[in-house]
Amino acid sequence: MPKKLELRTRPVGQYSMNAYALVCPVTQQSILIDPGDEPDTLQEMLKDTQPIAILLTHTHFDHVGALAEMRARLQVPLMLHRGPHAEGFETEADRWLAGGDLLPLGEHSLRISHAPGHTGDQICIALDDPRVIVGDTIFGGGPGKTWSVDGFQTTLKTLREVILRWSDDTVCYPGHGPSFRLSDHRREIEAFLSKDHGEFFGDATWGM
């Protein structure tokens, strides 16, 4: 049984965006996720590892602010969903990701879920144990912000068809704030989904 992937995290930038690094403890291969700001901090996260890729959970500016710098430093493939991307973001990926994709990392693999709503290119990255890096898909207090009625309705679909299908022992690691266990919020999410929210969009909380 391989040792669990090491998950390193640092809050970076003015919005305290959680950057993540995943490290295989056997091969020391690593993947950097969401290089939002502070390149030197990101570089320190990868200390004593062999970076093999940069992944984006989505393309909002607070998640990609140091992308160009880290691509130049690391010289590794960039992987993200094809989109549509956040407004104003353009790039060419070395690999476009889709839901169901598996990415090798040393003796482990990561599974990609497409989780649109907050953005069209939002993905969640599941480790091969009950941990998932969820970006801005979901937080302890509610789902990620939406900017249109269609976006909010897409978020509701993602909650039903992606998030709630995970096991209760899943630990979610969001783009901002602390991690949380899905079981602690499943009833709130189910109650949230049972309500008619009309033409709502914007910042939502489970209790609304």
N, C-alpha and C. Protein backbone atom coordinates (compact mmCIF):
# COMPACT_ATOMS: atom_id res chain seq x y z
N MET A 1 0.85 -1.19 0.00
CA MET A 1 0.00 0.00 0.00
C MET A 1 0.89 1.24 0.00
N PRO A 2 0.80 2.08 -1.04
CA PRO A 2 1.67 3.26 -1.07
C PRO A 2 1.32 4.27 0.00
N LYS A 3 2.31 4.99 0.43
CA LYS A 3 2.06 6.07 1.39
C LYS A 3 1.16 7.12 0.75
N LYS A 4 0.36 7.80 1.58
CA LYS A 4 -0.54 8.82 1.08
C LYS A 4 0.23 9.97 0.45
N LEU A 5 -0.38 10.58 -0.56
CA LEU A 5 0.20 11.79 -1.12
C LEU A 5 0.32 12.86 -0.05
N GLU A 6 1.45 13.55 -0.07
CA GLU A 6 1.62 14.70 0.82
C GLU A 6 0.93 15.90 0.19
N LEU A 7 0.11 16.59 0.97
CA LEU A 7 -0.59 17.79 0.50
C LEU A 7 -0.04 18.99 1.25
N ARG A 8 0.58 19.89 0.51
CA ARG A 8 1.11 21.12 1.10
C ARG A 8 0.25 22.29 0.64
N THR A 9 0.02 23.25 1.51
CA THR A 9 -0.79 24.40 1.13
C THR A 9 -0.26 25.68 1.76
N ARG A 10 -0.43 26.77 1.03
CA ARG A 10 -0.09 28.10 1.53
C ARG A 10 -1.13 29.09 1.02
N PRO A 11 -1.61 30.00 1.88
CA PRO A 11 -2.46 31.09 1.39
C PRO A 11 -1.58 32.17 0.77
N VAL A 12 -1.92 32.59 -0.45
CA VAL A 12 -1.11 33.59 -1.15
C VAL A 12 -2.00 34.70 -1.68
N GLY A 13 -1.41 35.89 -1.84
CA GLY A 13 -2.11 37.00 -2.47
C GLY A 13 -3.07 37.71 -1.55
N GLN A 14 -3.67 38.79 -2.08
CA GLN A 14 -4.52 39.65 -1.26
C GLN A 14 -5.83 38.98 -0.85
N TYR A 15 -6.23 37.93 -1.56
CA TYR A 15 -7.46 37.23 -1.22
C TYR A 15 -7.21 35.92 -0.48
N SER A 16 -5.98 35.73 0.01
CA SER A 16 -5.61 34.51 0.75
C SER A 16 -6.08 33.26 0.02
N MET A 17 -5.72 33.19 -1.26
CA MET A 17 -6.06 32.03 -2.09
C MET A 17 -5.16 30.86 -1.72
N ASN A 18 -5.75 29.70 -1.53
CA ASN A 18 -4.99 28.51 -1.14
C ASN A 18 -4.31 27.89 -2.36
N ALA A 19 -3.01 28.03 -2.43
CA ALA A 19 -2.22 27.28 -3.41
C ALA A 19 -1.89 25.92 -2.81
N TYR A 20 -1.83 24.89 -3.66
CA TYR A 20 -1.57 23.54 -3.18
C TYR A 20 -0.41 22.92 -3.96
N ALA A 21 0.31 22.04 -3.28
CA ALA A 21 1.28 21.17 -3.94
C ALA A 21 1.02 19.75 -3.46
N LEU A 22 0.97 18.82 -4.40
CA LEU A 22 0.84 17.41 -4.09
C LEU A 22 2.16 16.74 -4.37
N VAL A 23 2.62 15.90 -3.44
CA VAL A 23 3.94 15.28 -3.55
C VAL A 23 3.82 13.78 -3.29
N CYS A 24 4.34 12.98 -4.22
CA CYS A 24 4.44 11.54 -3.99
C CYS A 24 5.60 11.30 -3.02
N PRO A 25 5.36 10.68 -1.87
CA PRO A 25 6.43 10.54 -0.88
C PRO A 25 7.51 9.55 -1.28
N VAL A 26 7.26 8.73 -2.29
CA VAL A 26 8.26 7.76 -2.74
C VAL A 26 9.14 8.34 -3.84
N THR A 27 8.51 8.89 -4.89
CA THR A 27 9.27 9.40 -6.03
C THR A 27 9.66 10.86 -5.89
N GLN A 28 8.99 11.58 -4.96
CA GLN A 28 9.17 13.03 -4.78
C GLN A 28 8.71 13.84 -5.99
N GLN A 29 7.97 13.22 -6.91
CA GLN A 29 7.33 14.00 -7.97
C GLN A 29 6.23 14.86 -7.36
N SER A 30 6.02 16.05 -7.94
CA SER A 30 5.04 16.98 -7.37
C SER A 30 4.24 17.66 -8.48
N ILE A 31 3.06 18.14 -8.10
CA ILE A 31 2.22 18.95 -8.97
C ILE A 31 1.83 20.20 -8.21
N LEU A 32 1.96 21.35 -8.86
CA LEU A 32 1.56 22.63 -8.28
C LEU A 32 0.15 22.96 -8.77
N ILE A 33 -0.72 23.33 -7.84
CA ILE A 33 -2.11 23.62 -8.17
C ILE A 33 -2.43 25.06 -7.78
N ASP A 34 -2.91 25.83 -8.75
CA ASP A 34 -3.37 27.22 -8.57
C ASP A 34 -2.25 28.16 -8.09
N PRO A 35 -1.32 28.50 -8.99
CA PRO A 35 -0.25 29.44 -8.65
C PRO A 35 -0.77 30.88 -8.68
N GLY A 36 -1.44 31.28 -7.61
CA GLY A 36 -2.15 32.55 -7.61
C GLY A 36 -1.29 33.77 -7.41
N ASP A 37 -0.22 33.67 -6.63
CA ASP A 37 0.60 34.85 -6.30
C ASP A 37 1.84 34.35 -5.55
N GLU A 38 2.75 35.27 -5.26
CA GLU A 38 3.92 35.02 -4.43
C GLU A 38 4.76 33.84 -4.95
N PRO A 39 5.41 34.01 -6.10
CA PRO A 39 6.18 32.92 -6.70
C PRO A 39 7.21 32.30 -5.77
N ASP A 40 7.85 33.10 -4.95
CA ASP A 40 8.86 32.53 -4.05
C ASP A 40 8.23 31.60 -3.02
N THR A 41 7.02 31.95 -2.54
CA THR A 41 6.29 31.07 -1.63
C THR A 41 5.93 29.77 -2.32
N LEU A 42 5.47 29.87 -3.56
CA LEU A 42 5.13 28.67 -4.33
C LEU A 42 6.35 27.80 -4.55
N GLN A 43 7.47 28.42 -4.85
CA GLN A 43 8.71 27.67 -5.06
C GLN A 43 9.11 26.95 -3.78
N GLU A 44 8.93 27.60 -2.64
CA GLU A 44 9.27 26.98 -1.36
C GLU A 44 8.38 25.77 -1.08
N MET A 45 7.11 25.85 -1.51
CA MET A 45 6.20 24.71 -1.34
C MET A 45 6.72 23.46 -2.04
N LEU A 46 7.44 23.67 -3.12
CA LEU A 46 7.93 22.56 -3.95
C LEU A 46 9.32 22.10 -3.58
N LYS A 47 9.85 22.62 -2.49
CA LYS A 47 11.22 22.32 -2.08
C LYS A 47 11.44 20.82 -1.96
N ASP A 48 12.57 20.36 -2.47
CA ASP A 48 12.98 18.95 -2.40
C ASP A 48 12.03 18.03 -3.17
N THR A 49 11.37 18.57 -4.20
CA THR A 49 10.51 17.74 -5.04
C THR A 49 10.90 17.92 -6.50
N GLN A 50 10.34 17.07 -7.34
CA GLN A 50 10.53 17.15 -8.79
C GLN A 50 9.19 17.52 -9.42
N PRO A 51 8.94 18.81 -9.69
CA PRO A 51 7.65 19.20 -10.29
C PRO A 51 7.47 18.59 -11.68
N ILE A 52 6.24 18.08 -11.93
CA ILE A 52 5.97 17.49 -13.24
C ILE A 52 4.81 18.18 -13.96
N ALA A 53 4.08 19.07 -13.27
CA ALA A 53 2.96 19.74 -13.93
C ALA A 53 2.44 20.87 -13.07
N ILE A 54 1.74 21.81 -13.72
CA ILE A 54 0.94 22.83 -13.05
C ILE A 54 -0.51 22.58 -13.45
N LEU A 55 -1.40 22.53 -12.46
CA LEU A 55 -2.83 22.37 -12.70
C LEU A 55 -3.58 23.60 -12.21
N LEU A 56 -4.65 23.96 -12.92
CA LEU A 56 -5.53 25.04 -12.50
C LEU A 56 -6.90 24.47 -12.17
N THR A 57 -7.44 24.82 -10.99
CA THR A 57 -8.83 24.45 -10.72
C THR A 57 -9.78 25.29 -11.56
N HIS A 58 -9.41 26.55 -11.82
CA HIS A 58 -10.15 27.44 -12.71
C HIS A 58 -9.30 28.67 -12.94
N THR A 59 -9.80 29.61 -13.75
CA THR A 59 -8.92 30.65 -14.29
C THR A 59 -9.22 32.05 -13.78
N HIS A 60 -9.85 32.20 -12.60
CA HIS A 60 -9.98 33.53 -12.02
C HIS A 60 -8.60 34.07 -11.65
N PHE A 61 -8.46 35.39 -11.71
CA PHE A 61 -7.14 36.02 -11.60
C PHE A 61 -6.43 35.68 -10.30
N ASP A 62 -7.18 35.49 -9.19
CA ASP A 62 -6.52 35.21 -7.92
C ASP A 62 -5.93 33.80 -7.88
N HIS A 63 -6.29 32.96 -8.84
CA HIS A 63 -5.76 31.60 -8.91
C HIS A 63 -4.64 31.46 -9.94
N VAL A 64 -4.44 32.48 -10.77
CA VAL A 64 -3.48 32.36 -11.87
C VAL A 64 -2.48 33.51 -11.92
N GLY A 65 -2.45 34.35 -10.89
CA GLY A 65 -1.63 35.56 -10.94
C GLY A 65 -0.15 35.32 -11.13
N ALA A 66 0.36 34.20 -10.62
CA ALA A 66 1.78 33.88 -10.76
C ALA A 66 2.01 32.77 -11.78
N LEU A 67 1.01 32.51 -12.63
CA LEU A 67 1.13 31.39 -13.57
C LEU A 67 2.28 31.58 -14.54
N ALA A 68 2.37 32.75 -15.16
CA ALA A 68 3.43 32.97 -16.15
C ALA A 68 4.81 32.80 -15.51
N GLU A 69 4.98 33.34 -14.32
CA GLU A 69 6.27 33.24 -13.63
C GLU A 69 6.61 31.80 -13.28
N MET A 70 5.62 31.05 -12.80
CA MET A 70 5.90 29.67 -12.40
C MET A 70 6.11 28.77 -13.62
N ARG A 71 5.43 29.06 -14.72
CA ARG A 71 5.71 28.29 -15.95
C ARG A 71 7.15 28.52 -16.39
N ALA A 72 7.61 29.77 -16.29
CA ALA A 72 8.98 30.08 -16.68
C ALA A 72 9.99 29.40 -15.75
N ARG A 73 9.68 29.37 -14.46
CA ARG A 73 10.61 28.77 -13.50
C ARG A 73 10.65 27.24 -13.61
N LEU A 74 9.49 26.63 -13.72
CA LEU A 74 9.41 25.17 -13.60
C LEU A 74 9.57 24.44 -14.93
N GLN A 75 9.14 25.08 -16.02
CA GLN A 75 9.24 24.46 -17.35
C GLN A 75 8.58 23.08 -17.37
N VAL A 76 7.33 23.05 -16.86
CA VAL A 76 6.56 21.80 -16.83
C VAL A 76 5.23 22.03 -17.54
N PRO A 77 4.53 20.96 -17.95
CA PRO A 77 3.26 21.12 -18.65
C PRO A 77 2.19 21.82 -17.80
N LEU A 78 1.37 22.62 -18.48
CA LEU A 78 0.21 23.27 -17.87
C LEU A 78 -1.04 22.49 -18.25
N MET A 79 -1.87 22.20 -17.25
CA MET A 79 -3.09 21.43 -17.49
C MET A 79 -4.28 22.13 -16.87
N LEU A 80 -5.36 22.26 -17.64
CA LEU A 80 -6.59 22.89 -17.18
C LEU A 80 -7.73 22.48 -18.08
N HIS A 81 -8.94 22.82 -17.66
CA HIS A 81 -10.12 22.52 -18.47
C HIS A 81 -10.22 23.51 -19.62
N ARG A 82 -10.82 23.08 -20.71
CA ARG A 82 -10.90 23.90 -21.92
C ARG A 82 -11.82 25.11 -21.76
N GLY A 83 -12.71 25.07 -20.82
CA GLY A 83 -13.50 26.26 -20.55
C GLY A 83 -14.93 26.18 -21.01
N PRO A 84 -15.60 27.31 -21.11
CA PRO A 84 -15.06 28.67 -21.23
C PRO A 84 -14.34 29.15 -19.96
N HIS A 85 -13.29 29.93 -20.20
CA HIS A 85 -12.47 30.44 -19.11
C HIS A 85 -13.08 31.70 -18.52
N ALA A 86 -12.52 32.12 -17.38
CA ALA A 86 -12.92 33.37 -16.77
C ALA A 86 -12.62 34.53 -17.73
N GLU A 87 -13.41 35.57 -17.60
CA GLU A 87 -13.32 36.71 -18.53
C GLU A 87 -11.89 37.26 -18.61
N GLY A 88 -11.40 37.39 -19.82
CA GLY A 88 -10.09 37.98 -20.04
C GLY A 88 -8.93 37.01 -19.98
N PHE A 89 -9.18 35.75 -19.62
CA PHE A 89 -8.09 34.79 -19.51
C PHE A 89 -7.92 34.03 -20.81
N GLU A 90 -6.69 34.00 -21.28
CA GLU A 90 -6.36 33.23 -22.48
C GLU A 90 -5.04 32.50 -22.25
N THR A 91 -4.99 31.26 -22.68
CA THR A 91 -3.74 30.50 -22.62
C THR A 91 -3.86 29.29 -23.53
N GLU A 92 -2.75 28.67 -23.80
CA GLU A 92 -2.71 27.38 -24.47
C GLU A 92 -2.20 26.36 -23.46
N ALA A 93 -2.98 25.31 -23.25
CA ALA A 93 -2.57 24.26 -22.32
C ALA A 93 -1.69 23.23 -23.03
N ASP A 94 -0.85 22.57 -22.25
CA ASP A 94 -0.15 21.40 -22.76
C ASP A 94 -1.07 20.19 -22.76
N ARG A 95 -2.06 20.23 -21.87
CA ARG A 95 -3.09 19.18 -21.87
C ARG A 95 -4.40 19.80 -21.39
N TRP A 96 -5.45 19.64 -22.17
CA TRP A 96 -6.79 20.06 -21.75
C TRP A 96 -7.41 18.91 -20.96
N LEU A 97 -7.92 19.22 -19.77
CA LEU A 97 -8.48 18.21 -18.90
C LEU A 97 -9.99 18.12 -19.07
N ALA A 98 -10.53 16.93 -18.82
CA ALA A 98 -11.97 16.71 -18.88
C ALA A 98 -12.36 15.82 -17.71
N GLY A 99 -13.64 15.87 -17.36
CA GLY A 99 -14.13 15.03 -16.28
C GLY A 99 -13.85 13.57 -16.55
N GLY A 100 -13.38 12.86 -15.53
CA GLY A 100 -13.04 11.45 -15.66
C GLY A 100 -11.58 11.18 -15.96
N ASP A 101 -10.83 12.21 -16.33
CA ASP A 101 -9.40 12.02 -16.62
C ASP A 101 -8.65 11.56 -15.37
N LEU A 102 -7.65 10.72 -15.59
CA LEU A 102 -6.74 10.29 -14.53
C LEU A 102 -5.34 10.83 -14.83
N LEU A 103 -4.70 11.41 -13.82
CA LEU A 103 -3.36 11.95 -13.98
C LEU A 103 -2.42 11.20 -13.05
N PRO A 104 -1.35 10.61 -13.57
CA PRO A 104 -0.40 9.92 -12.70
C PRO A 104 0.47 10.93 -11.94
N LEU A 105 0.76 10.58 -10.70
CA LEU A 105 1.70 11.35 -9.89
C LEU A 105 2.48 10.36 -9.04
N GLY A 106 3.69 10.03 -9.52
CA GLY A 106 4.48 9.03 -8.84
C GLY A 106 3.73 7.70 -8.77
N GLU A 107 3.57 7.17 -7.56
CA GLU A 107 2.87 5.91 -7.36
C GLU A 107 1.36 6.10 -7.19
N HIS A 108 0.87 7.30 -7.46
CA HIS A 108 -0.53 7.63 -7.22
C HIS A 108 -1.17 8.13 -8.51
N SER A 109 -2.47 8.39 -8.43
CA SER A 109 -3.16 9.02 -9.55
C SER A 109 -4.20 9.98 -9.02
N LEU A 110 -4.50 11.00 -9.81
CA LEU A 110 -5.50 12.01 -9.49
C LEU A 110 -6.65 11.87 -10.47
N ARG A 111 -7.87 12.05 -9.98
CA ARG A 111 -9.06 11.97 -10.84
C ARG A 111 -9.69 13.35 -10.96
N ILE A 112 -10.00 13.74 -12.19
CA ILE A 112 -10.57 15.05 -12.46
C ILE A 112 -12.09 14.96 -12.57
N SER A 113 -12.79 15.88 -11.92
CA SER A 113 -14.23 16.06 -12.10
C SER A 113 -14.48 17.46 -12.63
N HIS A 114 -15.26 17.58 -13.70
CA HIS A 114 -15.68 18.90 -14.17
C HIS A 114 -16.79 19.38 -13.25
N ALA A 115 -16.67 20.59 -12.73
CA ALA A 115 -17.60 21.10 -11.71
C ALA A 115 -17.98 22.55 -12.02
N PRO A 116 -18.62 22.81 -13.17
CA PRO A 116 -18.90 24.19 -13.58
C PRO A 116 -19.97 24.85 -12.72
N GLY A 117 -20.04 26.17 -12.86
CA GLY A 117 -20.99 26.99 -12.12
C GLY A 117 -20.32 28.28 -11.72
N HIS A 118 -19.37 28.19 -10.80
CA HIS A 118 -18.57 29.36 -10.42
C HIS A 118 -17.84 29.91 -11.65
N THR A 119 -17.27 29.01 -12.42
CA THR A 119 -16.76 29.31 -13.77
C THR A 119 -17.07 28.10 -14.65
N GLY A 120 -16.98 28.30 -15.95
CA GLY A 120 -17.22 27.20 -16.87
C GLY A 120 -16.10 26.18 -16.89
N ASP A 121 -14.91 26.58 -16.43
CA ASP A 121 -13.75 25.68 -16.50
C ASP A 121 -13.36 25.10 -15.14
N GLN A 122 -14.23 25.25 -14.14
CA GLN A 122 -13.92 24.77 -12.80
C GLN A 122 -13.81 23.24 -12.77
N ILE A 123 -12.74 22.75 -12.13
CA ILE A 123 -12.59 21.32 -11.91
C ILE A 123 -12.30 21.05 -10.44
N CYS A 124 -12.55 19.81 -10.02
CA CYS A 124 -12.12 19.31 -8.73
C CYS A 124 -11.10 18.21 -8.98
N ILE A 125 -10.13 18.11 -8.09
CA ILE A 125 -9.02 17.18 -8.25
C ILE A 125 -9.02 16.22 -7.07
N ALA A 126 -9.42 14.98 -7.30
CA ALA A 126 -9.54 13.99 -6.23
C ALA A 126 -8.25 13.19 -6.11
N LEU A 127 -7.75 13.07 -4.89
CA LEU A 127 -6.61 12.21 -4.62
C LEU A 127 -7.11 10.77 -4.54
N ASP A 128 -6.20 9.81 -4.45
CA ASP A 128 -6.62 8.41 -4.36
C ASP A 128 -6.86 8.00 -2.91
N ASP A 129 -7.42 8.92 -2.14
CA ASP A 129 -7.94 8.69 -0.79
C ASP A 129 -9.04 9.75 -0.62
N PRO A 130 -9.75 9.80 0.48
CA PRO A 130 -10.90 10.71 0.55
C PRO A 130 -10.52 12.19 0.73
N ARG A 131 -9.70 12.72 -0.17
CA ARG A 131 -9.36 14.14 -0.18
C ARG A 131 -9.58 14.68 -1.59
N VAL A 132 -10.19 15.87 -1.66
CA VAL A 132 -10.45 16.48 -2.95
C VAL A 132 -10.11 17.97 -2.87
N ILE A 133 -9.32 18.44 -3.83
CA ILE A 133 -9.07 19.87 -3.97
C ILE A 133 -10.19 20.42 -4.84
N VAL A 134 -11.02 21.29 -4.26
CA VAL A 134 -12.28 21.68 -4.90
C VAL A 134 -12.27 23.08 -5.50
N GLY A 135 -11.16 23.81 -5.39
CA GLY A 135 -11.15 25.17 -5.93
C GLY A 135 -12.24 26.00 -5.28
N ASP A 136 -12.99 26.76 -6.09
CA ASP A 136 -14.08 27.58 -5.57
C ASP A 136 -15.44 26.96 -5.84
N THR A 137 -15.48 25.62 -6.00
CA THR A 137 -16.75 24.94 -6.23
C THR A 137 -17.64 24.99 -5.00
N ILE A 138 -17.04 24.75 -3.84
CA ILE A 138 -17.81 24.61 -2.61
C ILE A 138 -16.94 25.01 -1.43
N PHE A 139 -17.59 25.62 -0.42
CA PHE A 139 -16.93 26.02 0.82
C PHE A 139 -17.75 25.49 1.99
N GLY A 140 -17.22 25.62 3.18
CA GLY A 140 -17.97 25.17 4.34
C GLY A 140 -19.29 25.89 4.50
N GLY A 141 -19.34 27.15 4.07
CA GLY A 141 -20.54 27.95 4.28
C GLY A 141 -21.48 28.04 3.11
N GLY A 142 -21.06 27.56 1.94
CA GLY A 142 -21.93 27.68 0.77
C GLY A 142 -21.16 27.36 -0.50
N PRO A 143 -21.85 27.44 -1.65
CA PRO A 143 -21.17 27.21 -2.93
C PRO A 143 -20.42 28.45 -3.39
N GLY A 144 -19.60 28.30 -4.41
CA GLY A 144 -18.88 29.43 -4.98
C GLY A 144 -19.82 30.46 -5.59
N LYS A 145 -19.39 31.70 -5.61
CA LYS A 145 -20.19 32.80 -6.15
C LYS A 145 -20.50 32.58 -7.63
N THR A 146 -21.68 33.02 -8.03
CA THR A 146 -22.07 32.95 -9.44
C THR A 146 -22.43 34.34 -9.94
N TRP A 147 -22.37 34.52 -11.26
CA TRP A 147 -22.54 35.83 -11.88
C TRP A 147 -23.75 35.91 -12.82
N SER A 148 -24.55 34.85 -12.85
CA SER A 148 -25.75 34.84 -13.69
C SER A 148 -26.70 33.77 -13.16
N VAL A 149 -27.97 33.87 -13.55
CA VAL A 149 -28.94 32.85 -13.17
C VAL A 149 -28.50 31.49 -13.73
N ASP A 150 -28.05 31.47 -14.97
CA ASP A 150 -27.58 30.23 -15.58
C ASP A 150 -26.41 29.64 -14.79
N GLY A 151 -25.49 30.51 -14.37
CA GLY A 151 -24.35 30.04 -13.60
C GLY A 151 -24.78 29.41 -12.29
N PHE A 152 -25.75 30.02 -11.61
CA PHE A 152 -26.24 29.47 -10.34
C PHE A 152 -26.94 28.13 -10.57
N GLN A 153 -27.75 28.05 -11.61
CA GLN A 153 -28.43 26.78 -11.92
C GLN A 153 -27.42 25.69 -12.25
N THR A 154 -26.32 26.06 -12.92
CA THR A 154 -25.26 25.09 -13.20
C THR A 154 -24.60 24.64 -11.91
N THR A 155 -24.41 25.56 -10.97
CA THR A 155 -23.86 25.20 -9.66
C THR A 155 -24.74 24.19 -8.95
N LEU A 156 -26.06 24.40 -8.99
CA LEU A 156 -26.98 23.45 -8.36
C LEU A 156 -26.82 22.06 -8.97
N LYS A 157 -26.69 22.01 -10.29
CA LYS A 157 -26.50 20.73 -10.97
C LYS A 157 -25.18 20.07 -10.55
N THR A 158 -24.13 20.87 -10.43
CA THR A 158 -22.84 20.34 -9.99
C THR A 158 -22.92 19.79 -8.58
N LEU A 159 -23.62 20.49 -7.69
CA LEU A 159 -23.78 20.00 -6.32
C LEU A 159 -24.49 18.64 -6.32
N ARG A 160 -25.55 18.51 -7.12
CA ARG A 160 -26.31 17.26 -7.15
C ARG A 160 -25.52 16.11 -7.79
N GLU A 161 -24.90 16.41 -8.93
CA GLU A 161 -24.35 15.34 -9.77
C GLU A 161 -22.87 15.05 -9.53
N VAL A 162 -22.19 15.96 -8.86
CA VAL A 162 -20.76 15.75 -8.58
C VAL A 162 -20.52 15.65 -7.08
N ILE A 163 -20.79 16.73 -6.36
CA ILE A 163 -20.38 16.83 -4.95
C ILE A 163 -21.08 15.79 -4.08
N LEU A 164 -22.41 15.70 -4.18
CA LEU A 164 -23.14 14.82 -3.27
C LEU A 164 -22.92 13.35 -3.58
N ARG A 165 -22.29 13.03 -4.68
CA ARG A 165 -21.97 11.63 -4.98
C ARG A 165 -20.70 11.16 -4.27
N TRP A 166 -19.97 12.10 -3.68
CA TRP A 166 -18.77 11.72 -2.92
C TRP A 166 -19.16 11.11 -1.59
N SER A 167 -18.26 10.33 -1.02
CA SER A 167 -18.52 9.68 0.26
C SER A 167 -18.51 10.70 1.40
N ASP A 168 -19.16 10.35 2.50
CA ASP A 168 -19.23 11.25 3.65
C ASP A 168 -17.86 11.59 4.23
N ASP A 169 -16.90 10.67 4.09
CA ASP A 169 -15.59 10.92 4.69
C ASP A 169 -14.68 11.77 3.80
N THR A 170 -15.22 12.25 2.67
CA THR A 170 -14.44 13.13 1.80
C THR A 170 -14.08 14.41 2.52
N VAL A 171 -12.81 14.80 2.44
CA VAL A 171 -12.35 16.08 2.98
C VAL A 171 -12.09 17.01 1.82
N CYS A 172 -12.77 18.16 1.83
CA CYS A 172 -12.68 19.13 0.74
C CYS A 172 -11.67 20.21 1.09
N TYR A 173 -10.81 20.52 0.13
CA TYR A 173 -9.79 21.56 0.29
C TYR A 173 -10.11 22.68 -0.69
N PRO A 174 -10.71 23.79 -0.21
CA PRO A 174 -11.20 24.83 -1.10
C PRO A 174 -10.13 25.85 -1.46
N GLY A 175 -10.52 26.75 -2.37
CA GLY A 175 -9.61 27.79 -2.83
C GLY A 175 -9.38 28.89 -1.82
N HIS A 176 -10.23 28.99 -0.82
CA HIS A 176 -10.10 30.00 0.24
C HIS A 176 -10.63 29.39 1.53
N GLY A 177 -9.97 29.64 2.63
CA GLY A 177 -10.45 29.17 3.92
C GLY A 177 -10.07 27.75 4.23
N PRO A 178 -10.58 27.23 5.36
CA PRO A 178 -10.16 25.92 5.85
C PRO A 178 -10.81 24.77 5.12
N SER A 179 -10.19 23.60 5.23
CA SER A 179 -10.77 22.37 4.70
C SER A 179 -11.94 21.95 5.59
N PHE A 180 -12.79 21.05 5.07
CA PHE A 180 -13.95 20.59 5.83
C PHE A 180 -14.36 19.21 5.33
N ARG A 181 -15.05 18.49 6.19
CA ARG A 181 -15.53 17.16 5.85
C ARG A 181 -16.92 17.27 5.24
N LEU A 182 -17.15 16.57 4.13
CA LEU A 182 -18.43 16.68 3.44
C LEU A 182 -19.59 16.26 4.33
N SER A 183 -19.38 15.26 5.18
CA SER A 183 -20.47 14.79 6.05
C SER A 183 -20.98 15.88 6.98
N ASP A 184 -20.12 16.85 7.31
CA ASP A 184 -20.54 17.93 8.21
C ASP A 184 -21.51 18.90 7.54
N HIS A 185 -21.62 18.83 6.22
CA HIS A 185 -22.46 19.80 5.50
C HIS A 185 -23.47 19.14 4.56
N ARG A 186 -23.48 17.81 4.48
CA ARG A 186 -24.35 17.15 3.51
C ARG A 186 -25.82 17.53 3.71
N ARG A 187 -26.30 17.52 4.95
CA ARG A 187 -27.71 17.85 5.19
C ARG A 187 -28.02 19.29 4.79
N GLU A 188 -27.10 20.20 5.07
CA GLU A 188 -27.29 21.60 4.67
C GLU A 188 -27.37 21.74 3.15
N ILE A 189 -26.50 21.02 2.47
CA ILE A 189 -26.49 21.09 1.01
C ILE A 189 -27.78 20.50 0.44
N GLU A 190 -28.21 19.38 0.98
CA GLU A 190 -29.45 18.77 0.52
C GLU A 190 -30.64 19.69 0.75
N ALA A 191 -30.68 20.36 1.92
CA ALA A 191 -31.76 21.30 2.21
C ALA A 191 -31.70 22.49 1.25
N PHE A 192 -30.51 22.97 0.97
CA PHE A 192 -30.30 24.08 0.03
C PHE A 192 -30.83 23.71 -1.35
N LEU A 193 -30.57 22.49 -1.78
CA LEU A 193 -31.00 22.04 -3.10
C LEU A 193 -32.51 21.80 -3.17
N SER A 194 -33.14 21.59 -2.03
CA SER A 194 -34.57 21.31 -2.03
C SER A 194 -35.42 22.57 -2.17
N LYS A 195 -34.80 23.74 -2.04
CA LYS A 195 -35.53 25.01 -2.07
C LYS A 195 -35.60 25.58 -3.49
N ASP A 196 -36.60 26.40 -3.72
CA ASP A 196 -36.72 27.14 -4.98
C ASP A 196 -36.05 28.50 -4.79
N HIS A 197 -34.92 28.70 -5.46
CA HIS A 197 -34.17 29.95 -5.31
C HIS A 197 -34.52 30.97 -6.38
N GLY A 198 -35.51 30.67 -7.20
CA GLY A 198 -35.98 31.63 -8.19
C GLY A 198 -34.89 32.05 -9.15
N GLU A 199 -34.76 33.36 -9.35
CA GLU A 199 -33.81 33.92 -10.30
C GLU A 199 -32.50 34.33 -9.62
N PHE A 200 -32.20 33.73 -8.48
CA PHE A 200 -31.03 34.13 -7.70
C PHE A 200 -29.72 33.85 -8.44
N PHE A 201 -28.73 34.70 -8.19
CA PHE A 201 -27.32 34.40 -8.43
C PHE A 201 -26.51 35.32 -7.54
N GLY A 202 -25.24 34.98 -7.34
CA GLY A 202 -24.38 35.79 -6.48
C GLY A 202 -23.76 34.93 -5.38
N ASP A 203 -23.50 35.57 -4.23
CA ASP A 203 -22.95 34.86 -3.07
C ASP A 203 -24.08 34.13 -2.36
N ALA A 204 -23.95 32.85 -2.19
CA ALA A 204 -24.98 32.03 -1.56
C ALA A 204 -24.44 31.40 -0.29
N THR A 205 -25.34 31.16 0.68
CA THR A 205 -25.01 30.39 1.87
C THR A 205 -25.98 29.24 1.98
N TRP A 206 -25.55 28.17 2.66
CA TRP A 206 -26.40 27.00 2.77
C TRP A 206 -27.73 27.32 3.44
N GLY A 207 -27.74 28.28 4.34
CA GLY A 207 -28.96 28.54 5.11
C GLY A 207 -29.95 29.46 4.44
N MET A 208 -29.67 29.95 3.25
CA MET A 208 -30.57 30.92 2.61
C MET A 208 -31.82 30.26 2.01
